[in-house]
Amino acid sequence: MRVHTKLLLAGLCFLPLAGCFKGEVDQSSLCTYSSDAEARECKEGELSWFKPTQWNNEQLPLSVAAAYCNFNHEVMYNNAGVICVFTEKRMSLVKNSQ
């Protein structure tokens, strides 16, 4: 087998794994917020935890995730809140609230 063919085959084997090598998330800190105003203090790429003061409805974690979570990383949510990697990319879409 020629060298070029071997290199091509090796490249094709590793191509599907390219998405597995995402940038590391700094896990030494956690931005905790309960409101949109507090969320504005979080930084892009930071691990964040939405910790509601009260649970209003079942749509709340999805609303928070839609506004503040980077979907290139795992998003965890339940009745205790939402944990994800914070993004500022959709910040302009969030209505100002307390």
PDB file of N, CA and C in Angstrom:
ATOM      1  N   MET A   1       0.848  -1.174   0.000  1.00  0.00           N
ATOM      2  CA  MET A   1       0.000   0.000   0.000  1.00  0.00           C
ATOM      3  C   MET A   1       0.897   1.241   0.000  1.00  0.00           C
ATOM      4  N   ARG A   2       0.559   2.206  -0.787  1.00  0.00           N
ATOM      5  CA  ARG A   2       1.377   3.409  -0.903  1.00  0.00           C
ATOM      6  C   ARG A   2       1.223   4.293   0.334  1.00  0.00           C
ATOM      7  N   VAL A   3       2.224   5.113   0.564  1.00  0.00           N
ATOM      8  CA  VAL A   3       2.256   5.985   1.739  1.00  0.00           C
ATOM      9  C   VAL A   3       1.075   6.958   1.725  1.00  0.00           C
ATOM     10  N   HIS A   4       0.761   7.526   0.576  1.00  0.00           N
ATOM     11  CA  HIS A   4      -0.356   8.468   0.492  1.00  0.00           C
ATOM     12  C   HIS A   4      -1.673   7.810   0.860  1.00  0.00           C
ATOM     13  N   THR A   5      -1.867   6.593   0.420  1.00  0.00           N
ATOM     14  CA  THR A   5      -3.093   5.860   0.718  1.00  0.00           C
ATOM     15  C   THR A   5      -3.198   5.576   2.212  1.00  0.00           C
ATOM     16  N   LYS A   6      -2.082   5.206   2.827  1.00  0.00           N
ATOM     17  CA  LYS A   6      -2.067   4.927   4.270  1.00  0.00           C
ATOM     18  C   LYS A   6      -2.403   6.190   5.064  1.00  0.00           C
ATOM     19  N   LEU A   7      -1.826   7.311   4.653  1.00  0.00           N
ATOM     20  CA  LEU A   7      -2.103   8.573   5.354  1.00  0.00           C
ATOM     21  C   LEU A   7      -3.570   8.979   5.200  1.00  0.00           C
ATOM     22  N   LEU A   8      -4.108   8.787   4.017  1.00  0.00           N
ATOM     23  CA  LEU A   8      -5.504   9.105   3.777  1.00  0.00           C
ATOM     24  C   LEU A   8      -6.419   8.242   4.639  1.00  0.00           C
ATOM     25  N   LEU A   9      -6.145   6.961   4.700  1.00  0.00           N
ATOM     26  CA  LEU A   9      -6.957   6.053   5.526  1.00  0.00           C
ATOM     27  C   LEU A   9      -6.839   6.399   7.006  1.00  0.00           C
ATOM     28  N   ALA A  10      -5.631   6.738   7.462  1.00  0.00           N
ATOM     29  CA  ALA A  10      -5.446   7.115   8.871  1.00  0.00           C
ATOM     30  C   ALA A  10      -6.229   8.390   9.176  1.00  0.00           C
ATOM     31  N   GLY A  11      -6.194   9.357   8.265  1.00  0.00           N
ATOM     32  CA  GLY A  11      -6.949  10.595   8.462  1.00  0.00           C
ATOM     33  C   GLY A  11      -8.439  10.359   8.528  1.00  0.00           C
ATOM     34  N   LEU A  12      -8.943   9.475   7.681  1.00  0.00           N
ATOM     35  CA  LEU A  12     -10.372   9.159   7.683  1.00  0.00           C
ATOM     36  C   LEU A  12     -10.798   8.438   8.956  1.00  0.00           C
ATOM     37  N   CYS A  13      -9.891   7.671   9.543  1.00  0.00           N
ATOM     38  CA  CYS A  13     -10.211   6.970  10.790  1.00  0.00           C
ATOM     39  C   CYS A  13     -10.345   7.937  11.962  1.00  0.00           C
ATOM     40  N   PHE A  14      -9.532   8.990  11.972  1.00  0.00           N
ATOM     41  CA  PHE A  14      -9.542   9.933  13.092  1.00  0.00           C
ATOM     42  C   PHE A  14     -10.537  11.066  12.918  1.00  0.00           C
ATOM     43  N   LEU A  15     -11.056  11.279  11.737  1.00  0.00           N
ATOM     44  CA  LEU A  15     -11.999  12.354  11.474  1.00  0.00           C
ATOM     45  C   LEU A  15     -13.246  12.284  12.359  1.00  0.00           C
ATOM     46  N   PRO A  16     -13.871  11.109  12.548  1.00  0.00           N
ATOM     47  CA  PRO A  16     -15.060  11.064  13.425  1.00  0.00           C
ATOM     48  C   PRO A  16     -14.769  11.422  14.876  1.00  0.00           C
ATOM     49  N   LEU A  17     -13.523  11.311  15.298  1.00  0.00           N
ATOM     50  CA  LEU A  17     -13.161  11.626  16.687  1.00  0.00           C
ATOM     51  C   LEU A  17     -12.881  13.108  16.898  1.00  0.00           C
ATOM     52  N   ALA A  18     -12.871  13.887  15.850  1.00  0.00           N
ATOM     53  CA  ALA A  18     -12.513  15.305  15.957  1.00  0.00           C
ATOM     54  C   ALA A  18     -13.411  16.056  16.932  1.00  0.00           C
ATOM     55  N   GLY A  19     -14.677  15.722  17.013  1.00  0.00           N
ATOM     56  CA  GLY A  19     -15.594  16.385  17.928  1.00  0.00           C
ATOM     57  C   GLY A  19     -15.380  16.032  19.383  1.00  0.00           C
ATOM     58  N   CYS A  20     -14.608  14.992  19.649  1.00  0.00           N
ATOM     59  CA  CYS A  20     -14.365  14.562  21.029  1.00  0.00           C
ATOM     60  C   CYS A  20     -13.331  15.420  21.731  1.00  0.00           C
ATOM     61  N   PHE A  21     -12.576  16.191  20.995  1.00  0.00           N
ATOM     62  CA  PHE A  21     -11.499  16.966  21.575  1.00  0.00           C
ATOM     63  C   PHE A  21     -11.899  18.420  21.719  1.00  0.00           C
ATOM     64  N   LYS A  22     -12.952  18.673  22.473  1.00  0.00           N
ATOM     65  CA  LYS A  22     -13.425  20.036  22.719  1.00  0.00           C
ATOM     66  C   LYS A  22     -12.515  20.690  23.748  1.00  0.00           C
ATOM     67  N   GLY A  23     -12.568  22.000  23.801  1.00  0.00           N
ATOM     68  CA  GLY A  23     -11.776  22.711  24.785  1.00  0.00           C
ATOM     69  C   GLY A  23     -12.192  22.331  26.199  1.00  0.00           C
ATOM     70  N   GLU A  24     -11.225  22.301  27.094  1.00  0.00           N
ATOM     71  CA  GLU A  24     -11.506  21.961  28.480  1.00  0.00           C
ATOM     72  C   GLU A  24     -12.249  23.095  29.176  1.00  0.00           C
ATOM     73  N   VAL A  25     -13.154  22.739  30.046  1.00  0.00           N
ATOM     74  CA  VAL A  25     -13.905  23.706  30.839  1.00  0.00           C
ATOM     75  C   VAL A  25     -13.227  23.820  32.192  1.00  0.00           C
ATOM     76  N   ASP A  26     -12.951  25.041  32.616  1.00  0.00           N
ATOM     77  CA  ASP A  26     -12.343  25.271  33.926  1.00  0.00           C
ATOM     78  C   ASP A  26     -13.361  24.891  34.995  1.00  0.00           C
ATOM     79  N   GLN A  27     -13.049  23.869  35.753  1.00  0.00           N
ATOM     80  CA  GLN A  27     -13.980  23.391  36.770  1.00  0.00           C
ATOM     81  C   GLN A  27     -13.598  23.852  38.171  1.00  0.00           C
ATOM     82  N   SER A  28     -12.663  24.795  38.255  1.00  0.00           N
ATOM     83  CA  SER A  28     -12.245  25.283  39.567  1.00  0.00           C
ATOM     84  C   SER A  28     -13.166  26.379  40.093  1.00  0.00           C
ATOM     85  N   SER A  29     -14.086  26.865  39.256  1.00  0.00           N
ATOM     86  CA  SER A  29     -15.015  27.896  39.715  1.00  0.00           C
ATOM     87  C   SER A  29     -16.408  27.591  39.177  1.00  0.00           C
ATOM     88  N   LEU A  30     -17.396  28.218  39.778  1.00  0.00           N
ATOM     89  CA  LEU A  30     -18.788  28.013  39.397  1.00  0.00           C
ATOM     90  C   LEU A  30     -19.531  29.326  39.560  1.00  0.00           C
ATOM     91  N   CYS A  31     -20.146  29.779  38.495  1.00  0.00           N
ATOM     92  CA  CYS A  31     -20.959  30.988  38.561  1.00  0.00           C
ATOM     93  C   CYS A  31     -22.381  30.556  38.915  1.00  0.00           C
ATOM     94  N   THR A  32     -22.870  30.991  40.062  1.00  0.00           N
ATOM     95  CA  THR A  32     -24.207  30.633  40.518  1.00  0.00           C
ATOM     96  C   THR A  32     -25.116  31.841  40.379  1.00  0.00           C
ATOM     97  N   TYR A  33     -26.298  31.635  39.792  1.00  0.00           N
ATOM     98  CA  TYR A  33     -27.227  32.744  39.602  1.00  0.00           C
ATOM     99  C   TYR A  33     -28.663  32.281  39.776  1.00  0.00           C
ATOM    100  N   SER A  34     -29.520  33.225  40.187  1.00  0.00           N
ATOM    101  CA  SER A  34     -30.942  32.958  40.397  1.00  0.00           C
ATOM    102  C   SER A  34     -31.823  33.858  39.548  1.00  0.00           C
ATOM    103  N   SER A  35     -31.213  34.804  38.848  1.00  0.00           N
ATOM    104  CA  SER A  35     -31.988  35.743  38.039  1.00  0.00           C
ATOM    105  C   SER A  35     -31.188  36.123  36.795  1.00  0.00           C
ATOM    106  N   ASP A  36     -31.858  36.764  35.851  1.00  0.00           N
ATOM    107  CA  ASP A  36     -31.172  37.232  34.650  1.00  0.00           C
ATOM    108  C   ASP A  36     -30.114  38.269  34.996  1.00  0.00           C
ATOM    109  N   ALA A  37     -30.411  39.120  35.955  1.00  0.00           N
ATOM    110  CA  ALA A  37     -29.445  40.149  36.366  1.00  0.00           C
ATOM    111  C   ALA A  37     -28.173  39.501  36.917  1.00  0.00           C
ATOM    112  N   GLU A  38     -28.313  38.458  37.716  1.00  0.00           N
ATOM    113  CA  GLU A  38     -27.146  37.751  38.254  1.00  0.00           C
ATOM    114  C   GLU A  38     -26.413  36.994  37.151  1.00  0.00           C
ATOM    115  N   ALA A  39     -27.151  36.465  36.183  1.00  0.00           N
ATOM    116  CA  ALA A  39     -26.528  35.713  35.079  1.00  0.00           C
ATOM    117  C   ALA A  39     -25.596  36.607  34.276  1.00  0.00           C
ATOM    118  N   ARG A  40     -25.893  37.892  34.214  1.00  0.00           N
ATOM    119  CA  ARG A  40     -25.052  38.824  33.455  1.00  0.00           C
ATOM    120  C   ARG A  40     -23.657  38.959  34.066  1.00  0.00           C
ATOM    121  N   GLU A  41     -23.472  38.476  35.286  1.00  0.00           N
ATOM    122  CA  GLU A  41     -22.164  38.505  35.938  1.00  0.00           C
ATOM    123  C   GLU A  41     -21.307  37.302  35.540  1.00  0.00           C
ATOM    124  N   CYS A  42     -21.912  36.279  34.947  1.00  0.00           N
ATOM    125  CA  CYS A  42     -21.168  35.088  34.527  1.00  0.00           C
ATOM    126  C   CYS A  42     -20.366  35.404  33.271  1.00  0.00           C
ATOM    127  N   LYS A  43     -19.317  34.619  33.057  1.00  0.00           N
ATOM    128  CA  LYS A  43     -18.432  34.845  31.915  1.00  0.00           C
ATOM    129  C   LYS A  43     -18.573  33.719  30.892  1.00  0.00           C
ATOM    130  N   GLU A  44     -18.345  34.041  29.654  1.00  0.00           N
ATOM    131  CA  GLU A  44     -18.379  33.089  28.553  1.00  0.00           C
ATOM    132  C   GLU A  44     -17.468  31.890  28.858  1.00  0.00           C
ATOM    133  N   GLY A  45     -17.991  30.683  28.693  1.00  0.00           N
ATOM    134  CA  GLY A  45     -17.204  29.468  28.881  1.00  0.00           C
ATOM    135  C   GLY A  45     -17.079  29.003  30.313  1.00  0.00           C
ATOM    136  N   GLU A  46     -17.662  29.732  31.252  1.00  0.00           N
ATOM    137  CA  GLU A  46     -17.583  29.390  32.666  1.00  0.00           C
ATOM    138  C   GLU A  46     -18.641  28.358  33.026  1.00  0.00           C
ATOM    139  N   LEU A  47     -18.312  27.456  33.912  1.00  0.00           N
ATOM    140  CA  LEU A  47     -19.294  26.508  34.412  1.00  0.00           C
ATOM    141  C   LEU A  47     -20.317  27.289  35.235  1.00  0.00           C
ATOM    142  N   SER A  48     -21.600  27.058  34.977  1.00  0.00           N
ATOM    143  CA  SER A  48     -22.624  27.854  35.661  1.00  0.00           C
ATOM    144  C   SER A  48     -23.734  26.980  36.220  1.00  0.00           C
ATOM    145  N   TRP A  49     -24.354  27.491  37.272  1.00  0.00           N
ATOM    146  CA  TRP A  49     -25.467  26.794  37.918  1.00  0.00           C
ATOM    147  C   TRP A  49     -26.592  27.787  38.142  1.00  0.00           C
ATOM    148  N   PHE A  50     -27.705  27.553  37.470  1.00  0.00           N
ATOM    149  CA  PHE A  50     -28.914  28.325  37.735  1.00  0.00           C
ATOM    150  C   PHE A  50     -29.591  27.673  38.926  1.00  0.00           C
ATOM    151  N   LYS A  51     -29.703  28.421  40.010  1.00  0.00           N
ATOM    152  CA  LYS A  51     -30.238  27.927  41.282  1.00  0.00           C
ATOM    153  C   LYS A  51     -31.451  28.790  41.638  1.00  0.00           C
ATOM    154  N   PRO A  52     -32.659  28.369  41.226  1.00  0.00           N
ATOM    155  CA  PRO A  52     -33.835  29.218  41.437  1.00  0.00           C
ATOM    156  C   PRO A  52     -34.180  29.364  42.919  1.00  0.00           C
ATOM    157  N   THR A  53     -34.660  30.543  43.270  1.00  0.00           N
ATOM    158  CA  THR A  53     -35.104  30.770  44.649  1.00  0.00           C
ATOM    159  C   THR A  53     -36.449  30.088  44.887  1.00  0.00           C
ATOM    160  N   GLN A  54     -37.239  29.967  43.825  1.00  0.00           N
ATOM    161  CA  GLN A  54     -38.486  29.203  43.890  1.00  0.00           C
ATOM    162  C   GLN A  54     -38.746  28.594  42.523  1.00  0.00           C
ATOM    163  N   TRP A  55     -39.432  27.490  42.507  1.00  0.00           N
ATOM    164  CA  TRP A  55     -39.688  26.787  41.261  1.00  0.00           C
ATOM    165  C   TRP A  55     -41.061  27.196  40.751  1.00  0.00           C
ATOM    166  N   ASN A  56     -41.094  27.888  39.613  1.00  0.00           N
ATOM    167  CA  ASN A  56     -42.361  28.392  39.089  1.00  0.00           C
ATOM    168  C   ASN A  56     -43.094  27.391  38.208  1.00  0.00           C
ATOM    169  N   ASN A  57     -42.389  26.788  37.268  1.00  0.00           N
ATOM    170  CA  ASN A  57     -43.039  25.859  36.355  1.00  0.00           C
ATOM    171  C   ASN A  57     -42.017  24.929  35.719  1.00  0.00           C
ATOM    172  N   GLU A  58     -42.505  23.949  34.986  1.00  0.00           N
ATOM    173  CA  GLU A  58     -41.642  22.948  34.372  1.00  0.00           C
ATOM    174  C   GLU A  58     -40.836  23.505  33.194  1.00  0.00           C
ATOM    175  N   GLN A  59     -41.230  24.646  32.655  1.00  0.00           N
ATOM    176  CA  GLN A  59     -40.513  25.228  31.525  1.00  0.00           C
ATOM    177  C   GLN A  59     -39.282  26.030  31.954  1.00  0.00           C
ATOM    178  N   LEU A  60     -39.178  26.330  33.222  1.00  0.00           N
ATOM    179  CA  LEU A  60     -38.089  27.177  33.705  1.00  0.00           C
ATOM    180  C   LEU A  60     -36.702  26.648  33.340  1.00  0.00           C
ATOM    181  N   PRO A  61     -36.375  25.366  33.585  1.00  0.00           N
ATOM    182  CA  PRO A  61     -35.023  24.922  33.232  1.00  0.00           C
ATOM    183  C   PRO A  61     -34.749  24.997  31.731  1.00  0.00           C
ATOM    184  N   LEU A  62     -35.756  24.752  30.916  1.00  0.00           N
ATOM    185  CA  LEU A  62     -35.560  24.836  29.469  1.00  0.00           C
ATOM    186  C   LEU A  62     -35.378  26.286  29.024  1.00  0.00           C
ATOM    187  N   SER A  63     -36.083  27.206  29.654  1.00  0.00           N
ATOM    188  CA  SER A  63     -35.919  28.623  29.346  1.00  0.00           C
ATOM    189  C   SER A  63     -34.508  29.097  29.692  1.00  0.00           C
ATOM    190  N   VAL A  64     -34.027  28.672  30.843  1.00  0.00           N
ATOM    191  CA  VAL A  64     -32.675  29.049  31.268  1.00  0.00           C
ATOM    192  C   VAL A  64     -31.646  28.434  30.327  1.00  0.00           C
ATOM    193  N   ALA A  65     -31.797  27.160  30.019  1.00  0.00           N
ATOM    194  CA  ALA A  65     -30.852  26.498  29.114  1.00  0.00           C
ATOM    195  C   ALA A  65     -30.850  27.177  27.746  1.00  0.00           C
ATOM    196  N   ALA A  66     -32.017  27.510  27.246  1.00  0.00           N
ATOM    197  CA  ALA A  66     -32.110  28.159  25.935  1.00  0.00           C
ATOM    198  C   ALA A  66     -31.407  29.513  25.925  1.00  0.00           C
ATOM    199  N   ALA A  67     -31.452  30.205  27.043  1.00  0.00           N
ATOM    200  CA  ALA A  67     -30.860  31.538  27.107  1.00  0.00           C
ATOM    201  C   ALA A  67     -29.362  31.518  27.403  1.00  0.00           C
ATOM    202  N   TYR A  68     -28.905  30.615  28.256  1.00  0.00           N
ATOM    203  CA  TYR A  68     -27.548  30.740  28.798  1.00  0.00           C
ATOM    204  C   TYR A  68     -26.622  29.552  28.595  1.00  0.00           C
ATOM    205  N   CYS A  69     -27.081  28.446  28.061  1.00  0.00           N
ATOM    206  CA  CYS A  69     -26.230  27.254  27.983  1.00  0.00           C
ATOM    207  C   CYS A  69     -25.600  27.071  26.608  1.00  0.00           C
ATOM    208  N   ASN A  70     -24.344  26.686  26.615  1.00  0.00           N
ATOM    209  CA  ASN A  70     -23.615  26.351  25.395  1.00  0.00           C
ATOM    210  C   ASN A  70     -23.919  24.892  25.082  1.00  0.00           C
ATOM    211  N   PHE A  71     -24.648  24.655  24.007  1.00  0.00           N
ATOM    212  CA  PHE A  71     -25.088  23.305  23.675  1.00  0.00           C
ATOM    213  C   PHE A  71     -24.001  22.452  23.035  1.00  0.00           C
ATOM    214  N   ASN A  72     -22.795  22.981  22.929  1.00  0.00           N
ATOM    215  CA  ASN A  72     -21.669  22.163  22.505  1.00  0.00           C
ATOM    216  C   ASN A  72     -21.111  21.368  23.681  1.00  0.00           C
ATOM    217  N   HIS A  73     -21.654  21.603  24.863  1.00  0.00           N
ATOM    218  CA  HIS A  73     -21.274  20.881  26.079  1.00  0.00           C
ATOM    219  C   HIS A  73     -22.540  20.302  26.709  1.00  0.00           C
ATOM    220  N   GLU A  74     -22.353  19.380  27.631  1.00  0.00           N
ATOM    221  CA  GLU A  74     -23.494  18.744  28.289  1.00  0.00           C
ATOM    222  C   GLU A  74     -24.275  19.747  29.138  1.00  0.00           C
ATOM    223  N   VAL A  75     -25.580  19.584  29.151  1.00  0.00           N
ATOM    224  CA  VAL A  75     -26.471  20.404  29.978  1.00  0.00           C
ATOM    225  C   VAL A  75     -27.205  19.451  30.917  1.00  0.00           C
ATOM    226  N   MET A  76     -27.157  19.752  32.218  1.00  0.00           N
ATOM    227  CA  MET A  76     -27.868  18.935  33.206  1.00  0.00           C
ATOM    228  C   MET A  76     -28.931  19.801  33.867  1.00  0.00           C
ATOM    229  N   TYR A  77     -30.131  19.248  34.036  1.00  0.00           N
ATOM    230  CA  TYR A  77     -31.176  20.003  34.716  1.00  0.00           C
ATOM    231  C   TYR A  77     -32.147  19.063  35.401  1.00  0.00           C
ATOM    232  N   ASN A  78     -32.733  19.579  36.461  1.00  0.00           N
ATOM    233  CA  ASN A  78     -33.820  18.906  37.184  1.00  0.00           C
ATOM    234  C   ASN A  78     -34.514  19.983  38.021  1.00  0.00           C
ATOM    235  N   ASN A  79     -35.282  19.585  39.008  1.00  0.00           N
ATOM    236  CA  ASN A  79     -36.007  20.566  39.824  1.00  0.00           C
ATOM    237  C   ASN A  79     -35.094  21.408  40.712  1.00  0.00           C
ATOM    238  N   ALA A  80     -33.820  21.049  40.807  1.00  0.00           N
ATOM    239  CA  ALA A  80     -32.884  21.836  41.610  1.00  0.00           C
ATOM    240  C   ALA A  80     -32.219  22.940  40.801  1.00  0.00           C
ATOM    241  N   GLY A  81     -32.339  22.907  39.470  1.00  0.00           N
ATOM    242  CA  GLY A  81     -31.744  23.947  38.659  1.00  0.00           C
ATOM    243  C   GLY A  81     -31.135  23.415  37.380  1.00  0.00           C
ATOM    244  N   VAL A  82     -30.221  24.203  36.818  1.00  0.00           N
ATOM    245  CA  VAL A  82     -29.565  23.879  35.552  1.00  0.00           C
ATOM    246  C   VAL A  82     -28.063  24.089  35.721  1.00  0.00           C
ATOM    247  N   ILE A  83     -27.274  23.108  35.304  1.00  0.00           N
ATOM    248  CA  ILE A  83     -25.817  23.239  35.302  1.00  0.00           C
ATOM    249  C   ILE A  83     -25.352  23.076  33.862  1.00  0.00           C
ATOM    250  N   CYS A  84     -24.544  24.045  33.410  1.00  0.00           N
ATOM    251  CA  CYS A  84     -24.046  23.985  32.033  1.00  0.00           C
ATOM    252  C   CYS A  84     -22.861  24.924  31.879  1.00  0.00           C
ATOM    253  N   VAL A  85     -22.281  24.902  30.696  1.00  0.00           N
ATOM    254  CA  VAL A  85     -21.237  25.859  30.348  1.00  0.00           C
ATOM    255  C   VAL A  85     -21.946  27.109  29.832  1.00  0.00           C
ATOM    256  N   PHE A  86     -21.636  28.230  30.446  1.00  0.00           N
ATOM    257  CA  PHE A  86     -22.320  29.492  30.173  1.00  0.00           C
ATOM    258  C   PHE A  86     -21.916  30.071  28.820  1.00  0.00           C
ATOM    259  N   THR A  87     -22.893  30.638  28.112  1.00  0.00           N
ATOM    260  CA  THR A  87     -22.608  31.375  26.895  1.00  0.00           C
ATOM    261  C   THR A  87     -23.323  32.719  26.929  1.00  0.00           C
ATOM    262  N   GLU A  88     -22.677  33.707  26.355  1.00  0.00           N
ATOM    263  CA  GLU A  88     -23.252  35.055  26.265  1.00  0.00           C
ATOM    264  C   GLU A  88     -23.883  35.299  24.898  1.00  0.00           C
ATOM    265  N   LYS A  89     -23.821  34.324  24.008  1.00  0.00           N
ATOM    266  CA  LYS A  89     -24.228  34.515  22.617  1.00  0.00           C
ATOM    267  C   LYS A  89     -25.696  34.872  22.447  1.00  0.00           C
ATOM    268  N   ARG A  90     -26.569  34.438  23.358  1.00  0.00           N
ATOM    269  CA  ARG A  90     -27.999  34.745  23.245  1.00  0.00           C
ATOM    270  C   ARG A  90     -28.455  35.730  24.315  1.00  0.00           C
ATOM    271  N   MET A  91     -27.508  36.416  24.947  1.00  0.00           N
ATOM    272  CA  MET A  91     -27.813  37.350  26.031  1.00  0.00           C
ATOM    273  C   MET A  91     -28.767  38.458  25.573  1.00  0.00           C
ATOM    274  N   SER A  92     -28.631  38.898  24.346  1.00  0.00           N
ATOM    275  CA  SER A  92     -29.490  39.988  23.850  1.00  0.00           C
ATOM    276  C   SER A  92     -30.941  39.537  23.678  1.00  0.00           C
ATOM    277  N   LEU A  93     -31.205  38.246  23.675  1.00  0.00           N
ATOM    278  CA  LEU A  93     -32.560  37.738  23.511  1.00  0.00           C
ATOM    279  C   LEU A  93     -33.318  37.622  24.825  1.00  0.00           C
ATOM    280  N   VAL A  94     -32.601  37.749  25.943  1.00  0.00           N
ATOM    281  CA  VAL A  94     -33.204  37.613  27.261  1.00  0.00           C
ATOM    282  C   VAL A  94     -33.842  38.920  27.684  1.00  0.00           C
ATOM    283  N   LYS A  95     -35.090  38.839  28.118  1.00  0.00           N
ATOM    284  CA  LYS A  95     -35.771  40.027  28.625  1.00  0.00           C
ATOM    285  C   LYS A  95     -35.166  40.397  29.968  1.00  0.00           C
ATOM    286  N   ASN A  96     -35.053  41.675  30.239  1.00  0.00           N
ATOM    287  CA  ASN A  96     -34.524  42.129  31.521  1.00  0.00           C
ATOM    288  C   ASN A  96     -35.521  41.814  32.623  1.00  0.00           C
ATOM    289  N   SER A  97     -35.057  41.063  33.599  1.00  0.00           N
ATOM    290  CA  SER A  97     -35.882  40.759  34.766  1.00  0.00           C
ATOM    291  C   SER A  97     -34.971  40.670  35.975  1.00  0.00           C
ATOM    292  N   GLN A  98     -35.570  40.556  37.127  1.00  0.00           N
ATOM    293  CA  GLN A  98     -34.776  40.520  38.349  1.00  0.00           C
ATOM    294  C   GLN A  98     -34.433  39.144  38.761  1.00  0.00           C
TER     295      GLN A  98
END
